[in-house]
């Protein structure tokens, strides 16, 4: 029985942030089933020879304009008025993603994700700067010193590498990626299909 949905996530993806903010609407219908899997998007790109849309479609202005229009549609559809594009984009997320695995180890992942995602895509802070990240964690009442220390530990560094490789091994090539069982869905515009697949599998499991 499929009881959870894997959500592979990196703070550097605006679309991952938009999905994160859309999850409560879905979980109000199907339960709290999404499991955030922090990965390093840069590592995924390197392993799969992929590039960000901004880079890949730099020479196709119409494609980039359409992507922006689709983002605006998604924001409006889900009422995500707090979203602000980060002027420092793209930002190196290595410290943030290691911090996410440290937060898993310390049992504060949900609070960590909320604080960092808000700072990144609502407050428009330069989260690639360690002092900015630390200030955000402090303001959220998180154990900043413990998180930053654990983020540098070998086991946490390895956990991030392992999670990133896991996504690649499952056929992933970017963020946001979702898995319902072994079925993969890529992109924010697949959330409806993710929900439908989860419901269908749950019904089948129930007989």
N, C-alpha and C. Protein backbone atom coordinates (compact mmCIF):
# COMPACT_ATOMS: atom_id res chain seq x y z
N UNK A 1 0.83 -1.20 0.00
CA UNK A 1 0.00 0.00 0.00
C UNK A 1 0.87 1.26 0.00
N UNK A 2 0.53 2.20 -0.85
CA UNK A 2 1.24 3.48 -0.90
C UNK A 2 0.62 4.43 0.11
N UNK A 3 1.35 4.69 1.20
CA UNK A 3 0.80 5.54 2.26
C UNK A 3 1.43 6.92 2.29
N UNK A 4 2.51 7.11 1.51
CA UNK A 4 3.18 8.42 1.46
C UNK A 4 3.56 8.76 0.02
N UNK A 5 3.88 10.02 -0.18
CA UNK A 5 4.35 10.51 -1.47
C UNK A 5 5.71 11.15 -1.25
N UNK A 6 6.72 10.68 -1.95
CA UNK A 6 8.06 11.27 -1.84
C UNK A 6 8.11 12.56 -2.63
N UNK A 7 8.62 13.62 -2.01
CA UNK A 7 8.74 14.94 -2.63
C UNK A 7 10.21 15.34 -2.57
N UNK A 8 10.91 15.19 -3.70
CA UNK A 8 12.32 15.56 -3.77
C UNK A 8 12.42 17.07 -3.96
N UNK A 9 13.21 17.71 -3.09
CA UNK A 9 13.11 19.16 -2.90
C UNK A 9 14.48 19.80 -2.77
N UNK A 10 14.62 20.99 -3.37
CA UNK A 10 15.80 21.84 -3.16
C UNK A 10 15.28 23.27 -3.05
N UNK A 11 15.78 24.01 -2.06
CA UNK A 11 15.33 25.39 -1.85
C UNK A 11 15.61 26.30 -3.06
N UNK A 12 16.56 25.90 -3.91
CA UNK A 12 16.92 26.74 -5.04
C UNK A 12 15.91 26.76 -6.16
N UNK A 13 14.93 25.88 -6.11
CA UNK A 13 13.92 25.79 -7.16
C UNK A 13 12.67 26.58 -6.78
N UNK A 14 12.33 27.63 -7.52
CA UNK A 14 11.09 28.34 -7.21
C UNK A 14 9.87 27.45 -7.38
N UNK A 15 9.93 26.54 -8.32
CA UNK A 15 8.79 25.64 -8.51
C UNK A 15 8.63 24.67 -7.35
N UNK A 16 9.74 24.28 -6.73
CA UNK A 16 9.65 23.44 -5.54
C UNK A 16 8.99 24.21 -4.40
N UNK A 17 9.34 25.49 -4.26
CA UNK A 17 8.68 26.33 -3.25
C UNK A 17 7.18 26.41 -3.52
N UNK A 18 6.80 26.64 -4.77
CA UNK A 18 5.38 26.76 -5.09
C UNK A 18 4.64 25.47 -4.77
N UNK A 19 5.28 24.33 -5.06
CA UNK A 19 4.66 23.05 -4.69
C UNK A 19 4.51 22.93 -3.18
N UNK A 20 5.55 23.32 -2.46
CA UNK A 20 5.52 23.25 -1.01
C UNK A 20 4.32 24.01 -0.46
N UNK A 21 4.07 25.18 -1.00
CA UNK A 21 2.97 26.00 -0.53
C UNK A 21 1.61 25.47 -0.97
N UNK A 22 1.58 24.67 -2.03
CA UNK A 22 0.32 24.09 -2.50
C UNK A 22 -0.03 22.81 -1.76
N UNK A 23 0.93 22.21 -1.08
CA UNK A 23 0.70 20.92 -0.42
C UNK A 23 -0.43 20.94 0.61
N UNK A 24 -0.56 21.97 1.45
CA UNK A 24 -1.64 21.93 2.45
C UNK A 24 -3.03 21.79 1.83
N UNK A 25 -3.24 22.38 0.66
CA UNK A 25 -4.53 22.25 0.00
C UNK A 25 -4.80 20.80 -0.40
N UNK A 26 -3.75 20.11 -0.85
CA UNK A 26 -3.90 18.71 -1.26
C UNK A 26 -4.04 17.82 -0.03
N UNK A 27 -3.21 18.08 0.99
CA UNK A 27 -3.24 17.23 2.18
C UNK A 27 -4.53 17.41 2.97
N UNK A 28 -5.23 18.52 2.77
CA UNK A 28 -6.55 18.68 3.39
C UNK A 28 -7.54 17.66 2.82
N UNK A 29 -7.25 17.19 1.61
CA UNK A 29 -8.14 16.21 0.97
C UNK A 29 -7.68 14.77 1.18
N UNK A 30 -6.36 14.53 1.17
CA UNK A 30 -5.88 13.14 1.18
C UNK A 30 -5.05 12.79 2.40
N UNK A 31 -4.86 13.75 3.31
CA UNK A 31 -4.08 13.49 4.51
C UNK A 31 -2.65 13.99 4.36
N UNK A 32 -1.93 14.04 5.47
CA UNK A 32 -0.55 14.53 5.46
C UNK A 32 0.36 13.41 5.00
N UNK A 33 0.54 13.32 3.70
CA UNK A 33 1.21 12.16 3.11
C UNK A 33 2.53 12.50 2.42
N UNK A 34 2.82 13.78 2.20
CA UNK A 34 4.05 14.14 1.49
C UNK A 34 5.26 14.06 2.42
N UNK A 35 6.30 13.41 1.95
CA UNK A 35 7.56 13.28 2.70
C UNK A 35 8.64 14.05 1.93
N UNK A 36 9.15 15.11 2.52
CA UNK A 36 10.17 15.93 1.86
C UNK A 36 11.51 15.20 1.88
N UNK A 37 12.10 15.10 0.70
CA UNK A 37 13.40 14.45 0.52
C UNK A 37 14.39 15.52 0.02
N UNK A 38 15.18 16.12 0.91
CA UNK A 38 16.11 17.17 0.48
C UNK A 38 17.25 16.60 -0.36
N UNK A 39 17.45 17.19 -1.53
CA UNK A 39 18.54 16.78 -2.42
C UNK A 39 19.27 18.01 -2.92
N UNK A 40 20.41 17.82 -3.55
CA UNK A 40 21.16 18.93 -4.12
C UNK A 40 20.89 18.97 -5.62
N UNK A 41 20.14 19.98 -6.05
CA UNK A 41 19.75 20.07 -7.45
C UNK A 41 20.96 20.14 -8.38
N UNK A 42 21.99 20.86 -7.95
CA UNK A 42 23.20 20.92 -8.77
C UNK A 42 23.81 19.55 -8.99
N UNK A 43 23.75 18.71 -7.98
CA UNK A 43 24.26 17.35 -8.10
C UNK A 43 23.42 16.52 -9.05
N UNK A 44 22.10 16.72 -9.00
CA UNK A 44 21.20 16.02 -9.92
C UNK A 44 21.51 16.43 -11.36
N UNK A 45 21.64 17.74 -11.58
CA UNK A 45 21.96 18.24 -12.93
C UNK A 45 23.27 17.63 -13.44
N UNK A 46 24.29 17.63 -12.58
CA UNK A 46 25.59 17.10 -12.99
C UNK A 46 25.51 15.63 -13.35
N UNK A 47 24.78 14.86 -12.56
CA UNK A 47 24.69 13.42 -12.78
C UNK A 47 23.87 13.07 -14.01
N UNK A 48 22.95 13.95 -14.40
CA UNK A 48 22.04 13.64 -15.51
C UNK A 48 22.29 14.49 -16.75
N UNK A 49 23.34 15.31 -16.71
CA UNK A 49 23.67 16.19 -17.84
C UNK A 49 22.51 17.14 -18.15
N UNK A 50 21.84 17.58 -17.11
CA UNK A 50 20.70 18.48 -17.25
C UNK A 50 21.13 19.91 -16.91
N UNK A 51 20.31 20.88 -17.27
CA UNK A 51 20.56 22.29 -16.96
C UNK A 51 19.26 22.93 -16.52
N UNK A 52 19.36 24.05 -15.81
CA UNK A 52 18.16 24.76 -15.39
C UNK A 52 17.47 25.35 -16.62
N UNK A 53 16.15 25.56 -16.56
CA UNK A 53 15.43 26.16 -17.69
C UNK A 53 16.01 27.52 -18.09
N UNK A 54 16.43 28.31 -17.09
CA UNK A 54 16.98 29.64 -17.41
C UNK A 54 18.20 29.51 -18.31
N UNK A 55 19.02 28.50 -18.04
CA UNK A 55 20.21 28.28 -18.85
C UNK A 55 19.87 27.56 -20.16
N UNK A 56 19.07 26.51 -20.05
CA UNK A 56 18.78 25.68 -21.21
C UNK A 56 18.03 26.44 -22.30
N UNK A 57 17.14 27.35 -21.87
CA UNK A 57 16.31 28.07 -22.83
C UNK A 57 16.68 29.55 -22.95
N UNK A 58 17.92 29.85 -22.60
CA UNK A 58 18.36 31.25 -22.63
C UNK A 58 18.20 31.87 -24.00
N UNK A 59 18.34 31.05 -25.04
CA UNK A 59 18.22 31.57 -26.40
C UNK A 59 16.83 31.49 -26.98
N UNK A 60 15.85 31.14 -26.13
CA UNK A 60 14.46 31.02 -26.60
C UNK A 60 13.58 31.91 -25.71
N UNK A 61 13.58 33.20 -25.96
CA UNK A 61 12.82 34.13 -25.10
C UNK A 61 11.35 33.78 -24.96
N UNK A 62 10.75 33.26 -25.99
CA UNK A 62 9.32 32.92 -25.93
C UNK A 62 9.07 31.79 -24.93
N UNK A 63 10.00 30.83 -24.87
CA UNK A 63 9.86 29.72 -23.92
C UNK A 63 9.98 30.22 -22.49
N UNK A 64 10.95 31.09 -22.24
CA UNK A 64 11.11 31.65 -20.90
C UNK A 64 9.90 32.49 -20.51
N UNK A 65 9.37 33.25 -21.46
CA UNK A 65 8.18 34.06 -21.19
C UNK A 65 6.99 33.18 -20.87
N UNK A 66 6.86 32.06 -21.58
CA UNK A 66 5.76 31.14 -21.32
C UNK A 66 5.89 30.51 -19.94
N UNK A 67 7.12 30.13 -19.57
CA UNK A 67 7.35 29.57 -18.23
C UNK A 67 6.93 30.56 -17.14
N UNK A 68 7.23 31.83 -17.35
CA UNK A 68 6.85 32.86 -16.39
C UNK A 68 5.33 32.99 -16.31
N UNK A 69 4.68 32.87 -17.45
CA UNK A 69 3.22 32.95 -17.48
C UNK A 69 2.60 31.77 -16.74
N UNK A 70 3.16 30.57 -16.94
CA UNK A 70 2.66 29.39 -16.24
C UNK A 70 2.88 29.52 -14.74
N UNK A 71 3.99 30.10 -14.34
CA UNK A 71 4.25 30.32 -12.92
C UNK A 71 3.22 31.28 -12.34
N UNK A 72 2.91 32.34 -13.07
CA UNK A 72 1.92 33.31 -12.61
C UNK A 72 0.55 32.66 -12.50
N UNK A 73 0.22 31.79 -13.43
CA UNK A 73 -1.07 31.07 -13.38
C UNK A 73 -1.14 30.19 -12.14
N UNK A 74 -0.05 29.48 -11.86
CA UNK A 74 0.00 28.60 -10.70
C UNK A 74 -0.16 29.40 -9.41
N UNK A 75 0.55 30.51 -9.33
CA UNK A 75 0.46 31.37 -8.15
C UNK A 75 -0.96 31.85 -7.94
N UNK A 76 -1.62 32.26 -9.00
CA UNK A 76 -3.00 32.74 -8.89
C UNK A 76 -3.95 31.62 -8.53
N UNK A 77 -3.79 30.45 -9.16
CA UNK A 77 -4.68 29.32 -8.93
C UNK A 77 -4.66 28.88 -7.48
N UNK A 78 -3.48 28.91 -6.88
CA UNK A 78 -3.34 28.41 -5.51
C UNK A 78 -3.30 29.52 -4.46
N UNK A 79 -3.49 30.75 -4.90
CA UNK A 79 -3.54 31.86 -3.95
C UNK A 79 -2.25 32.10 -3.21
N UNK A 80 -1.12 32.02 -3.92
CA UNK A 80 0.20 32.13 -3.28
C UNK A 80 0.73 33.55 -3.40
N UNK A 81 0.02 34.47 -2.79
CA UNK A 81 0.32 35.90 -2.95
C UNK A 81 1.64 36.30 -2.30
N UNK A 82 2.18 35.47 -1.42
CA UNK A 82 3.41 35.83 -0.73
C UNK A 82 4.66 35.58 -1.57
N UNK A 83 4.51 34.86 -2.66
CA UNK A 83 5.67 34.51 -3.49
C UNK A 83 6.32 35.73 -4.11
N UNK A 84 7.64 35.81 -3.97
CA UNK A 84 8.44 36.85 -4.60
C UNK A 84 9.68 36.19 -5.20
N UNK A 85 9.96 36.46 -6.46
CA UNK A 85 11.14 35.87 -7.08
C UNK A 85 12.39 36.45 -6.42
N UNK A 86 13.35 35.57 -6.11
CA UNK A 86 14.55 36.01 -5.39
C UNK A 86 15.53 36.71 -6.35
N UNK A 87 15.88 37.96 -6.08
CA UNK A 87 16.77 38.70 -6.98
C UNK A 87 18.20 38.15 -7.01
N UNK A 88 18.54 37.29 -6.04
CA UNK A 88 19.89 36.72 -6.00
C UNK A 88 19.96 35.38 -6.75
N UNK A 89 18.85 34.94 -7.31
CA UNK A 89 18.78 33.68 -8.05
C UNK A 89 19.73 33.71 -9.25
N UNK A 90 20.46 32.60 -9.52
CA UNK A 90 20.50 31.34 -8.77
C UNK A 90 21.43 31.42 -7.57
N UNK A 91 21.05 30.72 -6.52
CA UNK A 91 21.80 30.72 -5.26
C UNK A 91 22.36 29.32 -5.00
N UNK A 92 23.61 29.26 -4.57
CA UNK A 92 24.22 27.99 -4.19
C UNK A 92 23.51 27.48 -2.92
N UNK A 93 22.88 26.32 -3.02
CA UNK A 93 22.06 25.83 -1.91
C UNK A 93 22.74 24.74 -1.08
N UNK A 94 24.02 24.49 -1.31
CA UNK A 94 24.69 23.39 -0.61
C UNK A 94 24.54 23.49 0.90
N UNK A 95 24.80 24.66 1.48
CA UNK A 95 24.70 24.81 2.93
C UNK A 95 23.27 24.61 3.40
N UNK A 96 22.31 25.14 2.66
CA UNK A 96 20.91 24.99 3.04
C UNK A 96 20.46 23.53 3.00
N UNK A 97 20.90 22.80 1.97
CA UNK A 97 20.46 21.41 1.82
C UNK A 97 21.16 20.50 2.84
N UNK A 98 22.42 20.78 3.14
CA UNK A 98 23.05 20.05 4.24
C UNK A 98 22.33 20.37 5.54
N UNK A 99 21.95 21.62 5.70
CA UNK A 99 21.20 22.01 6.89
C UNK A 99 19.89 21.27 7.00
N UNK A 100 19.25 21.00 5.86
CA UNK A 100 17.99 20.26 5.88
C UNK A 100 18.19 18.85 6.41
N UNK A 101 19.28 18.22 6.02
CA UNK A 101 19.55 16.87 6.55
C UNK A 101 19.97 16.93 8.02
N UNK A 102 20.63 18.01 8.41
CA UNK A 102 20.90 18.20 9.84
C UNK A 102 19.59 18.36 10.60
N UNK A 103 18.64 19.06 9.99
CA UNK A 103 17.33 19.26 10.62
C UNK A 103 16.57 17.95 10.75
N UNK A 104 16.72 17.08 9.77
CA UNK A 104 16.12 15.74 9.89
C UNK A 104 16.72 15.03 11.09
N UNK A 105 18.03 15.09 11.21
CA UNK A 105 18.74 14.41 12.31
C UNK A 105 18.30 14.95 13.67
N UNK A 106 18.02 16.27 13.73
CA UNK A 106 17.63 16.90 14.99
C UNK A 106 16.12 16.95 15.20
N UNK A 107 15.36 16.45 14.24
CA UNK A 107 13.91 16.39 14.39
C UNK A 107 13.20 17.72 14.20
N UNK A 108 13.77 18.63 13.40
CA UNK A 108 13.15 19.94 13.22
C UNK A 108 12.99 20.29 11.73
N UNK A 109 12.83 19.28 10.89
CA UNK A 109 12.80 19.53 9.45
C UNK A 109 11.67 20.47 9.04
N UNK A 110 10.47 20.25 9.54
CA UNK A 110 9.33 21.08 9.12
C UNK A 110 9.58 22.55 9.44
N UNK A 111 10.08 22.83 10.62
CA UNK A 111 10.36 24.21 11.02
C UNK A 111 11.49 24.81 10.19
N UNK A 112 12.48 23.99 9.93
CA UNK A 112 13.63 24.44 9.12
C UNK A 112 13.17 24.79 7.71
N UNK A 113 12.41 23.91 7.09
CA UNK A 113 11.94 24.15 5.72
C UNK A 113 11.08 25.40 5.66
N UNK A 114 10.20 25.58 6.63
CA UNK A 114 9.35 26.76 6.64
C UNK A 114 10.17 28.04 6.74
N UNK A 115 11.14 28.06 7.64
CA UNK A 115 11.95 29.26 7.84
C UNK A 115 12.78 29.60 6.61
N UNK A 116 13.44 28.60 6.04
CA UNK A 116 14.33 28.84 4.91
C UNK A 116 13.55 29.14 3.64
N UNK A 117 12.48 28.42 3.40
CA UNK A 117 11.68 28.67 2.20
C UNK A 117 11.07 30.06 2.22
N UNK A 118 10.59 30.48 3.38
CA UNK A 118 10.03 31.82 3.51
C UNK A 118 11.08 32.89 3.24
N UNK A 119 12.26 32.70 3.81
CA UNK A 119 13.34 33.67 3.61
C UNK A 119 13.77 33.74 2.14
N UNK A 120 13.76 32.59 1.49
CA UNK A 120 14.24 32.50 0.11
C UNK A 120 13.24 33.08 -0.89
N UNK A 121 11.97 32.70 -0.77
CA UNK A 121 11.00 32.99 -1.82
C UNK A 121 9.87 33.93 -1.40
N UNK A 122 9.97 34.49 -0.21
CA UNK A 122 9.02 35.52 0.20
C UNK A 122 9.75 36.78 0.65
N UNK A 123 10.79 36.59 1.45
CA UNK A 123 11.56 37.74 1.97
C UNK A 123 12.70 38.13 1.03
N UNK A 124 12.99 37.29 0.04
CA UNK A 124 13.98 37.58 -1.00
C UNK A 124 15.39 37.81 -0.46
N UNK A 125 15.77 37.02 0.55
CA UNK A 125 17.08 37.17 1.15
C UNK A 125 18.14 36.40 0.38
N UNK A 126 19.39 36.81 0.51
CA UNK A 126 20.51 36.14 -0.14
C UNK A 126 20.92 34.95 0.73
N UNK A 127 20.22 33.85 0.57
CA UNK A 127 20.40 32.71 1.45
C UNK A 127 21.66 31.91 1.17
N UNK A 128 22.41 32.31 0.17
CA UNK A 128 23.69 31.67 -0.07
C UNK A 128 24.78 32.15 0.87
N UNK A 129 24.48 33.18 1.65
CA UNK A 129 25.44 33.73 2.62
C UNK A 129 25.21 33.07 3.99
N UNK A 130 26.25 32.51 4.56
CA UNK A 130 26.09 31.77 5.81
C UNK A 130 25.55 32.64 6.94
N UNK A 131 25.96 33.91 6.99
CA UNK A 131 25.48 34.77 8.06
C UNK A 131 23.99 35.06 7.90
N UNK A 132 23.51 35.12 6.67
CA UNK A 132 22.08 35.33 6.43
C UNK A 132 21.30 34.09 6.84
N UNK A 133 21.78 32.93 6.45
CA UNK A 133 21.14 31.67 6.84
C UNK A 133 21.08 31.55 8.36
N UNK A 134 22.17 31.84 9.02
CA UNK A 134 22.21 31.74 10.49
C UNK A 134 21.22 32.69 11.13
N UNK A 135 21.12 33.90 10.60
CA UNK A 135 20.19 34.88 11.16
C UNK A 135 18.75 34.43 10.99
N UNK A 136 18.45 33.81 9.86
CA UNK A 136 17.09 33.30 9.61
C UNK A 136 16.76 32.19 10.59
N UNK A 137 17.69 31.30 10.82
CA UNK A 137 17.46 30.20 11.76
C UNK A 137 17.29 30.72 13.18
N UNK A 138 18.11 31.70 13.55
CA UNK A 138 17.98 32.31 14.87
C UNK A 138 16.60 32.93 15.06
N UNK A 139 16.16 33.68 14.06
CA UNK A 139 14.87 34.37 14.15
C UNK A 139 13.71 33.39 14.26
N UNK A 140 13.90 32.20 13.70
CA UNK A 140 12.84 31.18 13.75
C UNK A 140 12.88 30.36 15.04
N UNK A 141 13.85 30.67 15.92
CA UNK A 141 13.96 29.94 17.17
C UNK A 141 14.50 28.53 17.02
N UNK A 142 15.20 28.28 15.93
CA UNK A 142 15.78 26.97 15.68
C UNK A 142 17.16 26.86 16.36
N UNK A 143 17.64 25.64 16.61
CA UNK A 143 18.96 25.46 17.24
C UNK A 143 20.07 25.69 16.23
N UNK A 144 20.33 26.95 15.93
CA UNK A 144 21.24 27.32 14.85
C UNK A 144 22.61 26.69 14.98
N UNK A 145 23.23 26.82 16.14
CA UNK A 145 24.59 26.30 16.32
C UNK A 145 24.63 24.79 16.08
N UNK A 146 23.63 24.09 16.60
CA UNK A 146 23.57 22.63 16.42
C UNK A 146 23.37 22.27 14.95
N UNK A 147 22.49 23.00 14.29
CA UNK A 147 22.21 22.72 12.88
C UNK A 147 23.46 22.95 12.01
N UNK A 148 24.13 24.06 12.23
CA UNK A 148 25.30 24.37 11.43
C UNK A 148 26.45 23.41 11.72
N UNK A 149 26.56 23.00 12.97
CA UNK A 149 27.59 22.02 13.32
C UNK A 149 27.30 20.67 12.66
N UNK A 150 26.07 20.22 12.79
CA UNK A 150 25.70 18.92 12.21
C UNK A 150 25.78 18.94 10.69
N UNK A 151 25.53 20.11 10.10
CA UNK A 151 25.59 20.22 8.64
C UNK A 151 26.98 19.94 8.09
N UNK A 152 27.98 20.09 8.95
CA UNK A 152 29.36 19.83 8.54
C UNK A 152 29.85 18.43 8.91
N UNK A 153 28.98 17.65 9.52
CA UNK A 153 29.38 16.31 9.95
C UNK A 153 29.40 15.36 8.74
N UNK A 154 30.29 14.39 8.75
CA UNK A 154 30.39 13.46 7.61
C UNK A 154 29.10 12.72 7.31
N UNK A 155 28.36 12.33 8.36
CA UNK A 155 27.15 11.56 8.11
C UNK A 155 26.06 12.40 7.45
N UNK A 156 25.97 13.67 7.81
CA UNK A 156 24.97 14.54 7.18
C UNK A 156 25.36 14.84 5.74
N UNK A 157 26.64 15.10 5.50
CA UNK A 157 27.10 15.33 4.13
C UNK A 157 26.81 14.10 3.27
N UNK A 158 27.05 12.93 3.83
CA UNK A 158 26.79 11.70 3.09
C UNK A 158 25.30 11.49 2.86
N UNK A 159 24.48 11.87 3.83
CA UNK A 159 23.03 11.73 3.69
C UNK A 159 22.51 12.54 2.51
N UNK A 160 23.04 13.76 2.34
CA UNK A 160 22.63 14.58 1.21
C UNK A 160 23.09 13.95 -0.11
N UNK A 161 24.30 13.45 -0.15
CA UNK A 161 24.79 12.80 -1.37
C UNK A 161 23.96 11.56 -1.69
N UNK A 162 23.63 10.79 -0.65
CA UNK A 162 22.85 9.57 -0.86
C UNK A 162 21.44 9.89 -1.37
N UNK A 163 20.81 10.92 -0.80
CA UNK A 163 19.46 11.29 -1.23
C UNK A 163 19.47 11.77 -2.68
N UNK A 164 20.51 12.54 -3.03
CA UNK A 164 20.64 13.03 -4.39
C UNK A 164 20.83 11.88 -5.36
N UNK A 165 21.68 10.94 -5.00
CA UNK A 165 21.91 9.78 -5.86
C UNK A 165 20.66 8.92 -5.96
N UNK A 166 19.93 8.83 -4.87
CA UNK A 166 18.69 8.05 -4.88
C UNK A 166 17.72 8.58 -5.92
N UNK A 167 17.58 9.90 -5.98
CA UNK A 167 16.68 10.49 -6.98
C UNK A 167 17.16 10.15 -8.38
N UNK A 168 18.45 10.29 -8.63
CA UNK A 168 19.00 9.96 -9.95
C UNK A 168 18.76 8.49 -10.28
N UNK A 169 18.99 7.61 -9.31
CA UNK A 169 18.81 6.17 -9.52
C UNK A 169 17.35 5.83 -9.83
N UNK A 170 16.42 6.65 -9.32
CA UNK A 170 15.00 6.40 -9.57
C UNK A 170 14.53 7.01 -10.89
N UNK A 171 15.45 7.63 -11.61
CA UNK A 171 15.11 8.20 -12.90
C UNK A 171 14.88 9.70 -12.88
N UNK A 172 15.10 10.35 -11.74
CA UNK A 172 14.88 11.78 -11.64
C UNK A 172 15.97 12.57 -12.32
N UNK A 173 15.62 13.76 -12.78
CA UNK A 173 16.56 14.62 -13.48
C UNK A 173 16.43 16.08 -13.09
N UNK A 174 15.49 16.40 -12.21
CA UNK A 174 15.29 17.78 -11.79
C UNK A 174 14.38 17.85 -10.58
N UNK A 175 14.02 19.09 -10.24
CA UNK A 175 13.21 19.39 -9.06
C UNK A 175 12.10 20.37 -9.48
N UNK A 176 10.89 20.17 -8.98
CA UNK A 176 10.40 19.19 -8.01
C UNK A 176 10.03 17.87 -8.68
N UNK A 177 10.36 16.77 -8.01
CA UNK A 177 9.99 15.43 -8.48
C UNK A 177 9.23 14.71 -7.37
N UNK A 178 8.17 14.02 -7.77
CA UNK A 178 7.34 13.28 -6.82
C UNK A 178 7.29 11.82 -7.23
N UNK A 179 7.19 10.95 -6.23
CA UNK A 179 6.98 9.54 -6.49
C UNK A 179 5.77 9.05 -5.69
N UNK A 180 4.84 8.43 -6.40
CA UNK A 180 3.74 7.70 -5.78
C UNK A 180 4.05 6.24 -6.02
N UNK A 181 4.53 5.56 -5.00
CA UNK A 181 5.10 4.24 -5.22
C UNK A 181 6.34 4.40 -6.09
N UNK A 182 6.38 3.66 -7.19
CA UNK A 182 7.50 3.77 -8.12
C UNK A 182 7.18 4.67 -9.31
N UNK A 183 6.02 5.29 -9.31
CA UNK A 183 5.61 6.13 -10.43
C UNK A 183 6.08 7.56 -10.22
N UNK A 184 6.85 8.07 -11.18
CA UNK A 184 7.45 9.38 -11.06
C UNK A 184 6.62 10.46 -11.74
N UNK A 185 6.59 11.65 -11.11
CA UNK A 185 5.93 12.82 -11.68
C UNK A 185 6.89 14.00 -11.50
N UNK A 186 7.12 14.76 -12.57
CA UNK A 186 8.04 15.88 -12.52
C UNK A 186 7.31 17.20 -12.76
N UNK A 187 7.62 18.18 -11.92
CA UNK A 187 7.13 19.54 -12.14
C UNK A 187 5.89 19.88 -11.34
N UNK A 188 5.73 21.17 -11.09
CA UNK A 188 4.60 21.64 -10.29
C UNK A 188 3.26 21.39 -10.96
N UNK A 189 3.27 21.32 -12.28
CA UNK A 189 2.02 21.14 -13.01
C UNK A 189 1.55 19.70 -13.02
N UNK A 190 2.24 18.83 -12.31
CA UNK A 190 1.81 17.43 -12.20
C UNK A 190 1.17 17.14 -10.84
N UNK A 191 0.95 18.15 -10.04
CA UNK A 191 0.40 17.90 -8.71
C UNK A 191 -0.98 17.24 -8.76
N UNK A 192 -1.78 17.63 -9.72
CA UNK A 192 -3.11 17.00 -9.84
C UNK A 192 -2.97 15.51 -10.12
N UNK A 193 -2.05 15.15 -11.03
CA UNK A 193 -1.82 13.75 -11.34
C UNK A 193 -1.24 13.00 -10.15
N UNK A 194 -0.39 13.67 -9.37
CA UNK A 194 0.16 13.05 -8.16
C UNK A 194 -0.97 12.69 -7.21
N UNK A 195 -1.87 13.62 -6.99
CA UNK A 195 -3.00 13.37 -6.09
C UNK A 195 -3.88 12.24 -6.62
N UNK A 196 -4.17 12.27 -7.90
CA UNK A 196 -5.02 11.25 -8.49
C UNK A 196 -4.38 9.87 -8.39
N UNK A 197 -3.08 9.79 -8.63
CA UNK A 197 -2.38 8.50 -8.56
C UNK A 197 -2.39 7.96 -7.14
N UNK A 198 -2.20 8.86 -6.16
CA UNK A 198 -2.20 8.43 -4.76
C UNK A 198 -3.59 7.89 -4.38
N UNK A 199 -4.64 8.58 -4.77
CA UNK A 199 -6.00 8.13 -4.46
C UNK A 199 -6.29 6.79 -5.11
N UNK A 200 -5.88 6.65 -6.38
CA UNK A 200 -6.14 5.41 -7.09
C UNK A 200 -5.42 4.23 -6.43
N UNK A 201 -4.17 4.44 -6.06
CA UNK A 201 -3.41 3.37 -5.41
C UNK A 201 -4.01 3.01 -4.04
N UNK A 202 -4.46 4.04 -3.32
CA UNK A 202 -5.05 3.79 -2.00
C UNK A 202 -6.33 2.98 -2.12
N UNK A 203 -7.12 3.30 -3.14
CA UNK A 203 -8.38 2.57 -3.35
C UNK A 203 -8.10 1.13 -3.73
N UNK A 204 -7.08 0.92 -4.58
CA UNK A 204 -6.73 -0.43 -4.99
C UNK A 204 -6.25 -1.24 -3.79
N UNK A 205 -5.47 -0.63 -2.93
CA UNK A 205 -4.95 -1.32 -1.76
C UNK A 205 -6.05 -1.72 -0.79
N UNK A 206 -7.12 -0.90 -0.78
CA UNK A 206 -8.23 -1.17 0.12
C UNK A 206 -9.19 -2.22 -0.44
N UNK A 207 -8.94 -2.61 -1.69
CA UNK A 207 -9.76 -3.64 -2.31
C UNK A 207 -11.04 -3.11 -2.87
